Amino acid sequence: MKPLAGNSMTLLGERFQTLRVALVHHWLVRMRGGEKVLAALCRLFPQADIFTLVYRPEDICETITRHRVTTSWIQKLPLAARHYGQYLPLLPLAMEQFDLSDYDLAISSDASVAKGVLTRPETCHICYCHSPLRYAWSAYHTYLEAVSSRWKRCLIPFFLNYLRLWDVSAANRVDYFVANSRNVANRIWKYYRREASVVYPPVEIFGLPVSTQSEDYYLAVGQWVPYKRFDLAIEAFNELRRPLWIVGEGPEGSRLKRRAQSHIRFLSRVSDSQLRTMLSQCRALVFPGEEDFGMIIPETHACGRPAIALARGGALETVIPGVNGVLFREASATALKAAVLHFESIESQLNPQEIRVSAERFKEDLFFEKMAAFVAEKLAEHQQRFSLESQKPKPSALVR
């Protein structure tokens, strides 16, 4: 594990190292973007305890597993470690049962229900928000259209109506919001009417190999769920007859595989080292869906490889057309196909070293410095507020 940058430790200061810190994450079942942020927070607060609904330690990095991890009663339910999504109606209740009374600082790493934890007024609660609940807000109709069961499609709107009400209530429990991108900061304002500072997630830049040559395949990476829109990539590459490798796993896997022709490969349970090799050797990353930030894009850029991405969401903050990739504006297979052909016409003009440099805006040290500064500022502000509250005269001391 690399040591933290000196500036980050200075910003936190020795007295912050004695803080009682709780890190709250929705579920820990695999290492994706949100879990990488949690791992960085663990490095920033090595004394922190972790609270999560469901935990599968064998699939989680050592940086996280060396901390004390408390799970909810959801963990004891049948098959919860792999099918936790089936218990969605119970997740808000389970999150509220965590007792954080003994902590000075709570940081929730949230794209679901983590921000709903209950804390004492004196506890400073900072939410690092990856996105407001996608399936309840921005991606609601995308998820609903993907539900094949008629009776589920009838019931889901009623449940998600309740979940939206709970989600807004949960957002009101947060003292300060941090967003992983300007895109998510805008969503936080839209759905919660709360301001959020932007601290980009940490991307491991210098541990990734830069390749000046590529092999003859395109790469798509992510969980196989509706909003990732791998269906568009499959349709476009069926027509283009170009090799496409799709890395990930998820509930949409069977449906996607049925639609794909033989030149499209599906790979699951890929190790970090294998993924790095694929990123460094692909012609380009294909990113067909609207993502909150999309850490895989700057990770690809760190390998010197370009990205072909939908011009929405976090991709607008990472992809620079003509420098490190291509953007397409319409979420359709036709637009993606045209973008691939355009990319191939300018592919030789893209410089791997320039692409690598474009990723350095998201390097880990910047995350540590900015997050440490934000925590220091907001914790002092919060403590000052409650110090002033304690100095107010008690009702019994007032002249009647």
Protein backbone atom coordinates (compact mmCIF):
# COMPACT_ATOMS: atom_id res chain seq x y z
CA MET A 1 0.00 0.00 0.00
CA LYS A 2 1.47 3.37 -1.00
CA PRO A 3 1.87 6.04 1.72
CA LEU A 4 -0.38 9.04 1.52
CA ALA A 5 0.90 12.30 0.13
CA GLY A 6 2.39 14.50 2.86
CA ASN A 7 0.02 17.40 2.16
CA SER A 8 -3.03 15.20 2.81
CA MET A 9 -1.76 14.10 6.20
CA THR A 10 -0.85 17.67 7.10
CA LEU A 11 -4.33 18.87 6.21
CA LEU A 12 -5.92 16.27 8.45
CA GLY A 13 -3.51 16.98 11.28
CA GLU A 14 -2.70 14.88 14.28
CA ARG A 15 -5.88 15.73 16.18
CA PHE A 16 -8.00 14.40 13.28
CA GLN A 17 -6.20 11.09 13.51
CA THR A 18 -7.82 10.59 16.91
CA LEU A 19 -11.33 11.10 15.50
CA ARG A 20 -13.78 8.25 15.80
CA VAL A 21 -14.69 7.72 12.13
CA ALA A 22 -17.38 5.56 10.54
CA LEU A 23 -17.29 4.81 6.81
CA VAL A 24 -20.66 3.69 5.43
CA HIS A 25 -21.03 1.92 2.08
CA HIS A 26 -24.16 0.34 0.62
CA TRP A 27 -22.73 -3.14 -0.09
CA LEU A 28 -19.28 -4.70 -0.43
CA VAL A 29 -19.57 -7.60 -2.87
CA ARG A 30 -17.06 -6.69 -5.61
CA MET A 31 -14.48 -4.01 -6.44
CA ARG A 32 -16.01 -1.40 -8.72
CA GLY A 33 -15.65 2.38 -8.84
CA GLY A 34 -17.49 3.08 -5.58
CA GLU A 35 -15.45 0.46 -3.73
CA LYS A 36 -12.22 2.01 -5.03
CA VAL A 37 -13.32 5.32 -3.53
CA LEU A 38 -14.05 3.56 -0.23
CA ALA A 39 -10.57 2.02 -0.31
CA ALA A 40 -9.09 5.51 -0.75
CA LEU A 41 -11.13 6.75 2.22
CA CYS A 42 -9.76 3.82 4.23
CA ARG A 43 -6.25 5.04 3.47
CA LEU A 44 -7.22 8.56 4.48
CA PHE A 45 -8.76 7.30 7.74
CA PRO A 46 -6.87 4.15 8.77
CA GLN A 47 -8.63 4.17 12.16
CA ALA A 48 -12.13 4.06 10.63
CA ASP A 49 -14.75 1.35 11.12
CA ILE A 50 -16.85 0.28 8.13
CA PHE A 51 -20.60 -0.32 8.05
CA THR A 52 -22.22 -2.06 5.09
CA LEU A 53 -25.42 -3.98 4.38
CA VAL A 54 -23.81 -7.04 2.79
CA TYR A 55 -20.17 -8.13 2.74
CA ARG A 56 -18.29 -10.66 0.61
CA PRO A 57 -14.68 -10.27 1.84
CA GLU A 58 -13.17 -12.72 -0.65
CA ASP A 59 -13.99 -10.27 -3.47
CA ILE A 60 -12.81 -7.11 -1.67
CA CYS A 61 -9.30 -5.63 -1.53
CA GLU A 62 -7.10 -5.88 1.54
CA THR A 63 -7.14 -2.10 2.07
CA ILE A 64 -10.80 -2.48 3.04
CA THR A 65 -10.78 -5.92 4.67
CA ARG A 66 -8.14 -4.94 7.24
CA HIS A 67 -10.73 -2.58 8.81
CA ARG A 68 -13.42 -3.70 11.22
CA VAL A 69 -16.53 -4.28 9.09
CA THR A 70 -20.05 -4.39 10.56
CA THR A 71 -22.84 -5.84 8.41
CA SER A 72 -26.62 -5.57 8.68
CA TRP A 73 -29.16 -8.32 9.29
CA ILE A 74 -29.59 -8.49 5.51
CA GLN A 75 -26.32 -10.48 5.51
CA LYS A 76 -28.10 -13.38 7.23
CA LEU A 77 -30.92 -13.65 4.70
CA PRO A 78 -30.82 -16.42 2.05
CA LEU A 79 -28.38 -15.77 -0.81
CA ALA A 80 -28.06 -12.12 0.24
CA ALA A 81 -24.35 -11.89 -0.58
CA ARG A 82 -25.07 -12.44 -4.29
CA HIS A 83 -28.72 -11.46 -4.69
CA TYR A 84 -28.93 -8.47 -2.34
CA GLY A 85 -30.91 -6.56 -4.98
CA GLN A 86 -33.88 -8.84 -4.33
CA TYR A 87 -34.09 -7.35 -0.84
CA LEU A 88 -34.29 -3.75 -2.05
CA PRO A 89 -37.53 -2.98 -0.12
CA LEU A 90 -35.72 -3.85 3.13
CA LEU A 91 -32.48 -1.95 2.53
CA PRO A 92 -33.57 1.49 3.86
CA LEU A 93 -34.78 -0.07 7.10
CA ALA A 94 -31.60 -2.11 7.49
CA MET A 95 -29.37 0.93 6.94
CA GLU A 96 -31.19 2.85 9.68
CA GLN A 97 -30.41 0.13 12.24
CA PHE A 98 -26.67 0.86 12.33
CA ASP A 99 -25.72 2.56 15.60
CA LEU A 100 -23.21 5.36 14.92
CA SER A 101 -23.68 7.08 18.28
CA ASP A 102 -20.01 6.73 19.23
CA TYR A 103 -18.55 8.42 16.15
CA ASP A 104 -17.42 12.01 15.61
CA LEU A 105 -17.42 11.76 11.80
CA ALA A 106 -19.47 9.62 9.45
CA ILE A 107 -18.65 9.50 5.73
CA SER A 108 -21.16 7.68 3.56
CA SER A 109 -20.00 6.45 0.15
CA ASP A 110 -23.34 6.34 -1.55
CA ALA A 111 -25.17 5.45 -4.74
CA SER A 112 -28.07 3.79 -2.97
CA VAL A 113 -29.13 3.97 0.69
CA ALA A 114 -25.89 4.59 2.64
CA LYS A 115 -26.67 8.26 3.26
CA GLY A 116 -29.76 7.14 5.21
CA VAL A 117 -27.81 6.20 8.35
CA LEU A 118 -28.95 7.91 11.54
CA THR A 119 -26.39 10.00 13.40
CA ARG A 120 -26.36 12.22 16.46
CA PRO A 121 -26.63 15.98 15.76
CA GLU A 122 -23.03 16.38 16.98
CA THR A 123 -21.74 13.82 14.46
CA CYS A 124 -20.60 15.41 11.21
CA HIS A 125 -22.09 13.41 8.31
CA ILE A 126 -20.42 13.90 4.93
CA CYS A 127 -21.79 12.03 1.92
CA TYR A 128 -19.49 11.25 -0.98
CA CYS A 129 -22.24 10.75 -3.55
CA HIS A 130 -21.61 8.61 -6.63
CA SER A 131 -25.19 9.32 -7.74
CA PRO A 132 -28.67 9.77 -6.32
CA LEU A 133 -30.55 6.47 -6.63
CA ARG A 134 -30.37 5.83 -10.39
CA TYR A 135 -33.30 3.42 -10.61
CA ALA A 136 -35.51 5.83 -8.66
CA TRP A 137 -34.47 9.05 -10.40
CA SER A 138 -32.36 9.56 -13.56
CA ALA A 139 -32.53 5.99 -14.93
CA TYR A 140 -36.04 5.15 -13.71
CA HIS A 141 -37.63 4.63 -17.13
CA THR A 142 -34.61 2.71 -18.47
CA TYR A 143 -34.83 0.22 -15.61
CA LEU A 144 -38.63 -0.04 -15.84
CA GLU A 145 -38.54 -0.81 -19.57
CA ALA A 146 -36.06 -3.63 -18.93
CA VAL A 147 -38.43 -5.44 -16.52
CA SER A 148 -39.97 -8.35 -18.42
CA SER A 149 -42.46 -9.45 -15.75
CA ARG A 150 -45.81 -7.72 -16.20
CA TRP A 151 -46.81 -7.92 -12.53
CA LYS A 152 -43.42 -6.55 -11.42
CA ARG A 153 -43.75 -3.70 -13.87
CA CYS A 154 -47.10 -2.84 -12.27
CA LEU A 155 -45.77 -2.95 -8.70
CA ILE A 156 -42.41 -1.23 -9.17
CA PRO A 157 -43.78 2.32 -9.71
CA PHE A 158 -45.60 2.18 -6.37
CA PHE A 159 -42.52 1.00 -4.49
CA LEU A 160 -40.17 3.45 -6.17
CA ASN A 161 -42.56 6.28 -5.35
CA TYR A 162 -42.08 5.38 -1.67
CA LEU A 163 -38.32 4.98 -2.19
CA ARG A 164 -38.02 8.47 -3.69
CA LEU A 165 -39.75 9.95 -0.66
CA TRP A 166 -37.41 8.06 1.66
CA ASP A 167 -34.37 9.07 -0.43
CA VAL A 168 -35.15 12.79 -0.12
CA SER A 169 -35.65 12.33 3.62
CA ALA A 170 -32.31 10.52 3.82
CA ALA A 171 -30.56 13.32 1.90
CA ASN A 172 -31.78 15.76 4.56
CA ARG A 173 -29.79 13.78 7.17
CA VAL A 174 -26.52 14.64 5.40
CA ASP A 175 -24.63 17.70 6.66
CA TYR A 176 -22.38 18.14 3.60
CA PHE A 177 -22.37 16.59 0.12
CA VAL A 178 -19.39 15.79 -2.08
CA ALA A 179 -20.10 14.71 -5.67
CA ASN A 180 -17.83 12.56 -7.83
CA SER A 181 -18.39 14.87 -10.84
CA ARG A 182 -20.15 18.04 -11.93
CA ASN A 183 -22.71 15.75 -13.53
CA VAL A 184 -23.62 14.20 -10.17
CA ALA A 185 -23.50 17.59 -8.42
CA ASN A 186 -26.20 18.72 -10.86
CA ARG A 187 -28.29 15.63 -10.05
CA ILE A 188 -27.93 16.29 -6.32
CA TRP A 189 -29.27 19.79 -6.85
CA LYS A 190 -32.06 18.56 -9.14
CA TYR A 191 -33.38 15.85 -6.82
CA TYR A 192 -32.35 17.03 -3.34
CA ARG A 193 -31.93 20.80 -3.82
CA ARG A 194 -28.56 20.56 -2.05
CA GLU A 195 -25.24 22.10 -3.07
CA ALA A 196 -22.33 19.68 -3.52
CA SER A 197 -18.60 20.24 -3.90
CA VAL A 198 -16.90 18.18 -6.61
CA VAL A 199 -13.95 15.89 -5.79
CA TYR A 200 -13.17 13.53 -8.65
CA PRO A 201 -12.64 9.89 -7.63
CA PRO A 202 -9.07 8.59 -7.42
CA VAL A 203 -7.69 6.90 -10.51
CA GLU A 204 -4.53 4.83 -10.32
CA ILE A 205 -2.50 6.52 -13.02
CA PHE A 206 1.10 5.54 -12.51
CA GLY A 207 0.52 1.83 -11.96
CA LEU A 208 -0.98 1.34 -15.41
CA PRO A 209 1.11 0.44 -18.48
CA VAL A 210 1.14 2.83 -21.45
CA SER A 211 0.95 1.01 -24.76
CA THR A 212 1.93 2.51 -28.11
CA GLN A 213 0.40 -0.40 -30.04
CA SER A 214 -3.00 -2.05 -29.91
CA GLU A 215 -4.52 -5.36 -30.87
CA ASP A 216 -7.55 -5.78 -33.09
CA TYR A 217 -10.41 -5.60 -30.60
CA TYR A 218 -12.58 -2.99 -28.92
CA LEU A 219 -13.37 -3.23 -25.21
CA ALA A 220 -16.46 -2.49 -23.11
CA VAL A 221 -16.34 -2.82 -19.31
CA GLY A 222 -19.04 -2.63 -16.65
CA GLN A 223 -21.86 -4.34 -14.85
CA TRP A 224 -24.39 -5.91 -17.21
CA VAL A 225 -27.40 -3.79 -16.21
CA PRO A 226 -29.84 -1.82 -18.40
CA TYR A 227 -28.48 1.71 -17.98
CA LYS A 228 -24.99 0.69 -19.18
CA ARG A 229 -26.57 0.18 -22.66
CA PHE A 230 -24.36 -2.68 -23.79
CA ASP A 231 -27.28 -3.61 -26.03
CA LEU A 232 -26.38 -0.60 -28.21
CA ALA A 233 -22.77 -1.74 -28.43
CA ILE A 234 -23.82 -5.25 -29.43
CA GLU A 235 -26.19 -3.98 -32.12
CA ALA A 236 -23.58 -1.61 -33.53
CA PHE A 237 -20.77 -4.17 -33.54
CA ASN A 238 -23.02 -6.85 -35.02
CA GLU A 239 -23.33 -4.54 -38.01
CA LEU A 240 -19.70 -3.39 -38.02
CA ARG A 241 -18.36 -6.96 -37.76
CA ARG A 242 -15.53 -5.70 -35.53
CA PRO A 243 -14.25 -7.75 -32.55
CA LEU A 244 -15.73 -6.51 -29.27
CA TRP A 245 -14.86 -7.86 -25.81
CA ILE A 246 -17.40 -7.15 -23.06
CA VAL A 247 -16.02 -7.52 -19.53
CA GLY A 248 -18.28 -7.73 -16.49
CA GLU A 249 -21.19 -9.64 -15.05
CA GLY A 250 -24.80 -8.96 -14.09
CA PRO A 251 -28.47 -9.80 -14.53
CA GLU A 252 -28.58 -8.76 -18.20
CA GLY A 253 -25.86 -11.23 -19.21
CA SER A 254 -28.08 -13.94 -20.71
CA ARG A 255 -30.14 -11.47 -22.73
CA LEU A 256 -27.04 -9.70 -24.07
CA LYS A 257 -25.31 -12.95 -25.05
CA ARG A 258 -28.34 -14.09 -27.05
CA ARG A 259 -28.17 -10.92 -29.14
CA ALA A 260 -24.43 -11.06 -29.84
CA GLN A 261 -22.79 -12.61 -32.90
CA SER A 262 -19.70 -14.81 -32.72
CA HIS A 263 -17.14 -11.98 -32.99
CA ILE A 264 -18.38 -10.50 -29.69
CA ARG A 265 -16.83 -12.09 -26.59
CA PHE A 266 -18.11 -11.95 -23.00
CA LEU A 267 -15.63 -12.22 -20.15
CA SER A 268 -16.50 -12.33 -16.43
CA ARG A 269 -14.46 -12.65 -13.24
CA VAL A 270 -11.46 -10.92 -14.83
CA SER A 271 -8.58 -10.07 -12.47
CA ASP A 272 -7.21 -6.53 -12.10
CA SER A 273 -4.00 -7.46 -13.91
CA GLN A 274 -5.93 -9.05 -16.78
CA LEU A 275 -8.14 -5.98 -17.11
CA ARG A 276 -5.11 -3.69 -17.18
CA THR A 277 -3.62 -5.74 -19.98
CA MET A 278 -6.88 -5.58 -21.95
CA LEU A 279 -7.13 -1.81 -21.41
CA SER A 280 -3.59 -1.26 -22.63
CA GLN A 281 -4.02 -3.43 -25.75
CA CYS A 282 -7.53 -2.55 -26.98
CA ARG A 283 -8.07 -0.27 -29.96
CA ALA A 284 -10.48 1.81 -27.88
CA LEU A 285 -12.87 1.60 -24.96
CA VAL A 286 -16.54 1.60 -26.00
CA PHE A 287 -18.75 3.43 -23.50
CA PRO A 288 -22.34 3.44 -24.79
CA GLY A 289 -24.30 4.43 -21.65
CA GLU A 290 -24.72 7.54 -19.53
CA GLU A 291 -22.57 7.13 -16.43
CA ASP A 292 -22.23 9.20 -13.27
CA PHE A 293 -18.47 9.61 -13.73
CA GLY A 294 -17.14 6.40 -15.25
CA MET A 295 -13.73 5.68 -13.71
CA ILE A 296 -13.00 3.14 -16.44
CA ILE A 297 -12.57 5.99 -18.96
CA PRO A 298 -9.61 7.74 -17.24
CA GLU A 299 -8.21 4.30 -16.36
CA THR A 300 -8.23 3.53 -20.09
CA HIS A 301 -6.66 6.91 -20.83
CA ALA A 302 -3.95 6.18 -18.26
CA CYS A 303 -3.00 3.19 -20.45
CA GLY A 304 -2.71 5.51 -23.45
CA ARG A 305 -5.84 4.16 -25.12
CA PRO A 306 -8.79 6.31 -26.34
CA ALA A 307 -12.50 6.06 -25.55
CA ILE A 308 -15.62 6.19 -27.74
CA ALA A 309 -18.34 7.46 -25.43
CA LEU A 310 -21.90 8.77 -25.34
CA ALA A 311 -21.79 12.56 -24.91
CA ARG A 312 -23.73 12.57 -21.65
CA GLY A 313 -22.97 12.40 -17.96
CA GLY A 314 -19.44 11.98 -16.68
CA ALA A 315 -17.95 11.28 -20.13
CA LEU A 316 -18.28 15.01 -20.90
CA GLU A 317 -15.74 15.62 -18.10
CA THR A 318 -13.23 12.97 -19.17
CA VAL A 319 -13.31 12.62 -22.98
CA ILE A 320 -11.71 15.40 -25.04
CA PRO A 321 -12.68 14.85 -28.70
CA GLY A 322 -9.69 14.53 -30.98
CA VAL A 323 -7.28 14.24 -28.02
CA ASN A 324 -8.27 11.15 -26.08
CA GLY A 325 -11.32 9.85 -27.89
CA VAL A 326 -14.60 10.45 -29.69
CA LEU A 327 -18.04 11.47 -28.41
CA PHE A 328 -21.38 10.61 -30.02
CA ARG A 329 -24.55 12.48 -29.10
CA GLU A 330 -27.46 10.12 -29.70
CA ALA A 331 -27.97 6.97 -27.60
CA SER A 332 -28.47 4.70 -30.61
CA ALA A 333 -26.61 1.91 -32.36
CA THR A 334 -26.53 4.01 -35.53
CA ALA A 335 -24.77 6.89 -33.78
CA LEU A 336 -22.32 4.54 -32.07
CA LYS A 337 -21.54 2.82 -35.37
CA ALA A 338 -20.81 6.21 -36.97
CA ALA A 339 -18.59 7.15 -34.01
CA VAL A 340 -16.53 3.96 -34.40
CA LEU A 341 -16.02 4.65 -38.10
CA HIS A 342 -15.05 8.25 -37.32
CA PHE A 343 -12.61 7.03 -34.68
CA GLU A 344 -10.97 4.69 -37.17
CA SER A 345 -10.49 7.59 -39.57
CA ILE A 346 -8.51 9.58 -36.95
CA GLU A 347 -7.03 6.69 -34.94
CA SER A 348 -3.49 7.21 -36.23
CA GLN A 349 -3.58 10.87 -35.14
CA LEU A 350 -4.16 10.09 -31.46
CA ASN A 351 -0.99 10.13 -29.35
CA PRO A 352 -0.85 7.57 -26.49
CA GLN A 353 1.36 9.83 -24.35
CA GLU A 354 -1.02 12.78 -24.75
CA ILE A 355 -3.91 10.49 -23.87
CA ARG A 356 -2.03 9.43 -20.72
CA VAL A 357 -1.41 13.06 -19.72
CA SER A 358 -5.14 13.80 -20.04
CA ALA A 359 -5.81 11.26 -17.25
CA GLU A 360 -3.56 12.95 -14.72
CA ARG A 361 -6.38 15.34 -13.76
CA PHE A 362 -7.81 12.40 -11.81
CA LYS A 363 -4.72 10.99 -10.10
CA GLU A 364 -5.00 9.64 -6.56
CA ASP A 365 -2.94 12.34 -4.83
CA LEU A 366 -5.38 15.03 -5.98
CA PHE A 367 -8.26 13.06 -4.46
CA PHE A 368 -6.45 12.76 -1.13
CA GLU A 369 -5.55 16.44 -1.01
CA LYS A 370 -8.99 17.75 -1.98
CA MET A 371 -10.94 15.29 0.15
CA ALA A 372 -8.73 15.93 3.17
CA ALA A 373 -9.15 19.68 2.76
CA PHE A 374 -12.93 19.34 2.43
CA VAL A 375 -13.23 17.15 5.52
CA ALA A 376 -11.01 19.47 7.56
CA GLU A 377 -13.03 22.54 6.57
CA LYS A 378 -16.49 21.02 7.08
CA LEU A 379 -15.61 19.25 10.31
CA ALA A 380 -14.33 22.52 11.78
CA GLU A 381 -17.48 24.29 10.58
CA HIS A 382 -19.68 21.61 12.10
CA GLN A 383 -17.84 21.64 15.42
CA GLN A 384 -18.03 25.43 15.54
CA ARG A 385 -21.79 25.29 14.98
CA PHE A 386 -22.33 22.93 17.88
CA SER A 387 -19.87 24.82 20.07
CA LEU A 388 -22.00 27.94 19.62
CA GLU A 389 -25.15 25.93 20.28
CA SER A 390 -23.73 24.72 23.59
CA GLN A 391 -23.02 28.31 24.66
CA LYS A 392 -26.66 29.36 24.31
CA PRO A 393 -28.39 29.88 27.69
CA LYS A 394 -30.60 27.04 28.80
CA PRO A 395 -34.34 27.81 29.13
CA SER A 396 -34.12 27.48 32.92
CA ALA A 397 -31.49 30.23 33.05
CA LEU A 398 -33.60 32.76 31.16
CA VAL A 399 -35.37 35.56 33.02
CA ARG A 400 -39.08 34.93 33.09
